[in-house]
N, C-alpha and C. Protein backbone atom coordinates (compact mmCIF):
# COMPACT_ATOMS: atom_id res chain seq x y z
N ARG A 1 0.96 -1.16 0.03
CA ARG A 1 0.14 -0.18 0.07
C ARG A 1 0.95 1.18 -0.13
N TRP A 2 1.99 1.20 0.72
CA TRP A 2 2.77 2.39 0.66
C TRP A 2 3.18 2.84 -0.66
N LEU A 3 3.65 2.05 -1.31
CA LEU A 3 4.16 2.15 -2.80
C LEU A 3 2.99 2.93 -3.53
N PHE A 4 1.90 2.63 -3.59
CA PHE A 4 0.68 3.16 -4.27
C PHE A 4 0.59 4.45 -3.99
N MET A 5 1.15 5.23 -2.77
CA MET A 5 1.18 6.55 -2.62
C MET A 5 2.18 7.29 -3.21
N LEU A 6 3.27 6.68 -3.64
CA LEU A 6 4.48 6.90 -4.33
C LEU A 6 4.28 7.62 -6.01
N SER A 7 4.89 8.27 -6.34
CA SER A 7 5.00 8.58 -7.70
C SER A 7 6.56 7.92 -8.25
N LEU A 8 5.95 6.71 -8.77
CA LEU A 8 7.56 5.85 -9.26
C LEU A 8 7.56 5.88 -10.86
N ASP A 9 8.34 7.09 -11.13
CA ASP A 9 8.63 7.41 -12.65
C ASP A 9 9.43 6.38 -13.55
N ASN A 10 10.48 5.93 -12.38
CA ASN A 10 11.24 5.08 -13.11
C ASN A 10 11.96 4.21 -12.16
N ILE A 11 13.04 3.23 -12.47
CA ILE A 11 13.05 2.35 -12.13
C ILE A 11 14.15 2.86 -11.14
N ASP A 12 14.89 3.82 -10.94
CA ASP A 12 15.87 4.29 -9.95
C ASP A 12 14.90 4.73 -8.66
N CYS A 13 13.85 5.47 -9.10
CA CYS A 13 12.93 5.98 -8.12
C CYS A 13 12.37 4.66 -7.29
N VAL A 14 12.19 3.76 -7.96
CA VAL A 14 11.64 2.48 -7.32
C VAL A 14 12.51 1.76 -6.35
N ARG A 15 13.89 1.66 -6.73
CA ARG A 15 14.93 1.32 -6.18
C ARG A 15 15.31 2.12 -4.97
N LYS A 16 14.99 3.38 -5.31
CA LYS A 16 15.29 4.30 -3.90
C LYS A 16 14.27 3.96 -2.65
N HIS A 17 13.16 4.07 -3.08
CA HIS A 17 11.92 3.80 -2.31
C HIS A 17 11.36 2.72 -1.67
N VAL A 18 11.84 1.59 -2.29
CA VAL A 18 11.89 0.39 -2.01
C VAL A 18 13.03 -0.02 -0.97
N GLY A 19 14.14 0.76 -1.38
CA GLY A 19 15.47 0.28 -0.55
C GLY A 19 15.09 0.97 1.07
N ALA A 20 14.58 2.19 1.20
CA ALA A 20 14.40 3.19 2.38
C ALA A 20 13.46 2.35 3.01
N PHE A 21 12.04 1.66 2.24
CA PHE A 21 11.18 0.83 3.31
C PHE A 21 11.91 -0.24 3.93
N ILE A 22 12.62 -0.94 3.07
CA ILE A 22 13.45 -2.36 3.50
C ILE A 22 14.24 -1.64 4.57
N GLU A 23 14.99 -0.51 4.69
CA GLU A 23 15.74 -0.05 5.85
C GLU A 23 15.06 -0.02 7.21
N ASP A 24 13.94 0.61 6.77
CA ASP A 24 12.93 0.91 7.86
C ASP A 24 12.35 -0.39 8.52
N TYR A 25 11.96 -1.21 7.74
CA TYR A 25 11.45 -2.71 8.00
C TYR A 25 12.28 -3.50 8.72
N ASN A 26 13.48 -3.36 8.65
CA ASN A 26 14.33 -4.08 9.33
C ASN A 26 15.08 -3.34 10.29
N SER A 27 15.14 -2.06 10.49
CA SER A 27 15.71 -1.33 11.62
C SER A 27 15.04 -0.67 12.64
N LEU A 28 14.04 -0.62 12.11
CA LEU A 28 13.08 0.69 12.64
C LEU A 28 11.92 0.14 13.42
N ILE A 29 11.22 -0.65 12.62
CA ILE A 29 9.71 -1.14 13.13
C ILE A 29 9.97 -2.15 14.01
N PRO A 30 9.41 -2.35 14.97
CA PRO A 30 9.35 -3.30 16.05
C PRO A 30 8.02 -4.24 15.45
N HIS A 31 8.22 -5.64 15.67
CA HIS A 31 7.68 -6.81 15.11
C HIS A 31 6.89 -7.51 16.44
N SER A 32 5.75 -7.72 16.36
CA SER A 32 5.18 -8.37 17.55
C SER A 32 5.63 -9.79 17.43
N GLU A 33 5.86 -10.46 16.15
CA GLU A 33 6.65 -11.62 16.27
C GLU A 33 7.54 -11.81 16.86
N LEU A 34 8.56 -10.91 16.97
CA LEU A 34 10.27 -10.78 17.62
C LEU A 34 9.97 -10.18 19.19
N ARG A 35 8.65 -10.23 19.61
CA ARG A 35 8.51 -9.62 20.82
C ARG A 35 9.10 -8.31 20.97
N GLY A 36 8.69 -7.19 20.05
CA GLY A 36 9.09 -5.89 20.06
C GLY A 36 10.50 -5.59 19.32
N ALA A 37 11.09 -6.88 19.18
CA ALA A 37 12.42 -6.41 18.45
C ALA A 37 12.27 -5.89 17.04
N THR A 38 13.34 -5.38 16.37
CA THR A 38 13.36 -5.29 15.12
C THR A 38 14.09 -6.65 14.22
N PRO A 39 13.84 -6.73 13.30
CA PRO A 39 14.85 -7.84 12.85
C PRO A 39 15.95 -7.73 12.89
N LEU A 40 16.75 -6.61 12.51
CA LEU A 40 17.93 -6.03 12.76
C LEU A 40 18.47 -6.45 13.99
N GLU A 41 18.18 -6.29 15.13
CA GLU A 41 18.32 -6.41 16.47
C GLU A 41 18.24 -7.87 16.53
N MET A 42 17.04 -8.57 16.07
CA MET A 42 17.43 -10.25 16.69
C MET A 42 18.32 -10.85 15.81
N TYR A 43 18.88 -10.28 14.52
CA TYR A 43 19.91 -11.08 13.60
C TYR A 43 21.21 -10.84 14.42
N LEU A 44 21.56 -9.49 15.05
CA LEU A 44 22.96 -9.13 15.56
C LEU A 44 22.62 -9.46 17.16
N GLY A 45 21.76 -10.16 17.69
CA GLY A 45 21.94 -10.33 19.17
C GLY A 45 22.01 -9.41 19.91
N ARG A 46 21.34 -8.23 19.63
CA ARG A 46 21.06 -6.85 20.10
C ARG A 46 19.78 -6.89 21.58
N TRP A 47 18.85 -7.75 21.10
CA TRP A 47 17.66 -7.93 21.78
C TRP A 47 17.58 -8.50 23.22
N GLN A 48 17.06 -7.44 24.25
CA GLN A 48 16.86 -8.22 25.27
C GLN A 48 15.92 -8.50 25.68
N PRO A 49 15.71 -9.67 26.27
CA PRO A 49 14.29 -10.14 26.78
C PRO A 49 13.52 -8.67 27.76
N ALA A 50 14.37 -8.37 28.73
CA ALA A 50 13.99 -7.33 29.87
C ALA A 50 13.43 -6.11 28.84
N GLN A 51 13.86 -5.67 27.63
CA GLN A 51 13.13 -4.85 26.92
C GLN A 51 11.69 -4.89 26.71
N MET A 52 11.43 -6.03 26.43
CA MET A 52 9.91 -6.52 26.28
C MET A 52 8.93 -5.92 27.39
N ASP A 53 9.65 -6.17 28.60
CA ASP A 53 9.02 -5.55 30.10
C ASP A 53 8.85 -4.43 29.85
N GLU A 54 9.81 -3.54 29.63
CA GLU A 54 9.81 -2.16 29.78
C GLU A 54 8.71 -1.57 28.78
N LEU A 55 8.77 -2.48 27.14
CA LEU A 55 7.79 -1.81 26.22
C LEU A 55 6.39 -1.99 27.02
N GLN A 56 6.20 -3.57 27.59
CA GLN A 56 4.73 -3.56 28.09
C GLN A 56 4.52 -2.50 29.28
N HIS A 57 5.23 -2.05 30.18
CA HIS A 57 4.70 -1.30 30.91
C HIS A 57 4.59 0.12 30.40
N ALA A 58 5.50 0.64 29.32
CA ALA A 58 5.24 1.80 28.61
C ALA A 58 3.94 1.46 28.27
N GLU A 59 3.47 0.82 27.50
CA GLU A 59 1.99 0.57 26.82
C GLU A 59 1.02 0.70 27.79
N ASP A 60 1.16 -0.03 28.80
CA ASP A 60 0.24 -0.07 29.76
C ASP A 60 -0.03 1.59 30.57
N GLN A 61 0.86 1.93 30.75
CA GLN A 61 1.16 3.50 31.33
C GLN A 61 0.10 4.25 30.13
N ALA A 62 0.57 4.03 28.93
CA ALA A 62 0.01 4.90 28.04
C ALA A 62 -1.47 4.78 27.66
N LYS A 63 -1.79 3.53 27.76
CA LYS A 63 -3.41 3.17 28.06
C LYS A 63 -4.00 3.98 28.99
N VAL A 64 -3.60 3.74 30.18
CA VAL A 64 -4.06 4.54 31.69
C VAL A 64 -3.79 6.13 31.18
N GLU A 65 -2.78 6.56 30.85
CA GLU A 65 -3.10 8.10 30.58
C GLU A 65 -4.10 8.49 29.55
N ARG A 66 -4.33 7.60 28.68
CA ARG A 66 -5.01 8.00 27.27
C ARG A 66 -6.64 7.83 27.75
N ARG A 67 -7.05 7.03 28.58
CA ARG A 67 -8.37 6.95 29.42
C ARG A 67 -8.48 8.03 30.27
N ILE A 68 -7.34 8.43 30.99
CA ILE A 68 -7.47 9.69 31.81
C ILE A 68 -8.11 10.74 31.01
N ALA A 69 -6.99 11.16 29.97
CA ALA A 69 -7.19 12.06 29.13
C ALA A 69 -8.58 12.24 28.32
N ASN A 70 -9.28 11.08 27.78
CA ASN A 70 -10.31 10.95 27.22
C ASN A 70 -11.73 11.10 28.19
N LEU A 71 -11.75 10.71 29.29
CA LEU A 71 -12.58 10.86 30.39
C LEU A 71 -12.68 12.64 30.57
N ASN A 72 -11.39 12.96 30.60
CA ASN A 72 -11.44 14.44 31.14
C ASN A 72 -11.76 15.48 29.69
N SER A 73 -11.74 14.77 28.92
CA SER A 73 -12.30 15.70 27.38
C SER A 73 -13.71 15.43 27.30
N SER A 74 -14.46 14.31 28.03
CA SER A 74 -15.84 14.26 27.73
C SER A 74 -16.62 15.36 27.63
N CYS A 75 -17.80 15.38 27.04
CA CYS A 75 -18.81 16.36 27.11
C CYS A 75 -19.99 16.47 28.61
N GLY A 76 -19.59 15.71 29.10
CA GLY A 76 -20.58 15.33 30.00
C GLY A 76 -21.77 14.77 30.38
N ASP A 77 -22.13 14.44 28.93
CA ASP A 77 -23.49 13.73 28.63
C ASP A 77 -23.37 12.01 29.19
N CYS A 78 -21.91 11.62 28.94
CA CYS A 78 -21.67 10.18 29.10
C CYS A 78 -21.52 10.00 30.42
N PRO A 79 -21.88 8.72 30.91
CA PRO A 79 -20.86 8.38 32.45
C PRO A 79 -19.76 7.99 32.27
N ALA A 80 -19.12 8.61 33.42
CA ALA A 80 -17.42 8.22 33.45
C ALA A 80 -17.45 6.45 33.80
């Protein structure tokens, strides 16, 4: 889907954008199947299982904060 949003006029443009996507996919985007690690972290052995606990804690905290923010921005008609 990502490529369809781009103007791919020639093969060099395609190579550039696909290369950038592969770089992001492998080194920036955490994957749930890898317990939050990127493929590069797993391949190089840089992923520590303790990092998953930190990520889970941050996710849980974000959910609590988001719920509080949503409740505070309520119009008042809905029950809390």
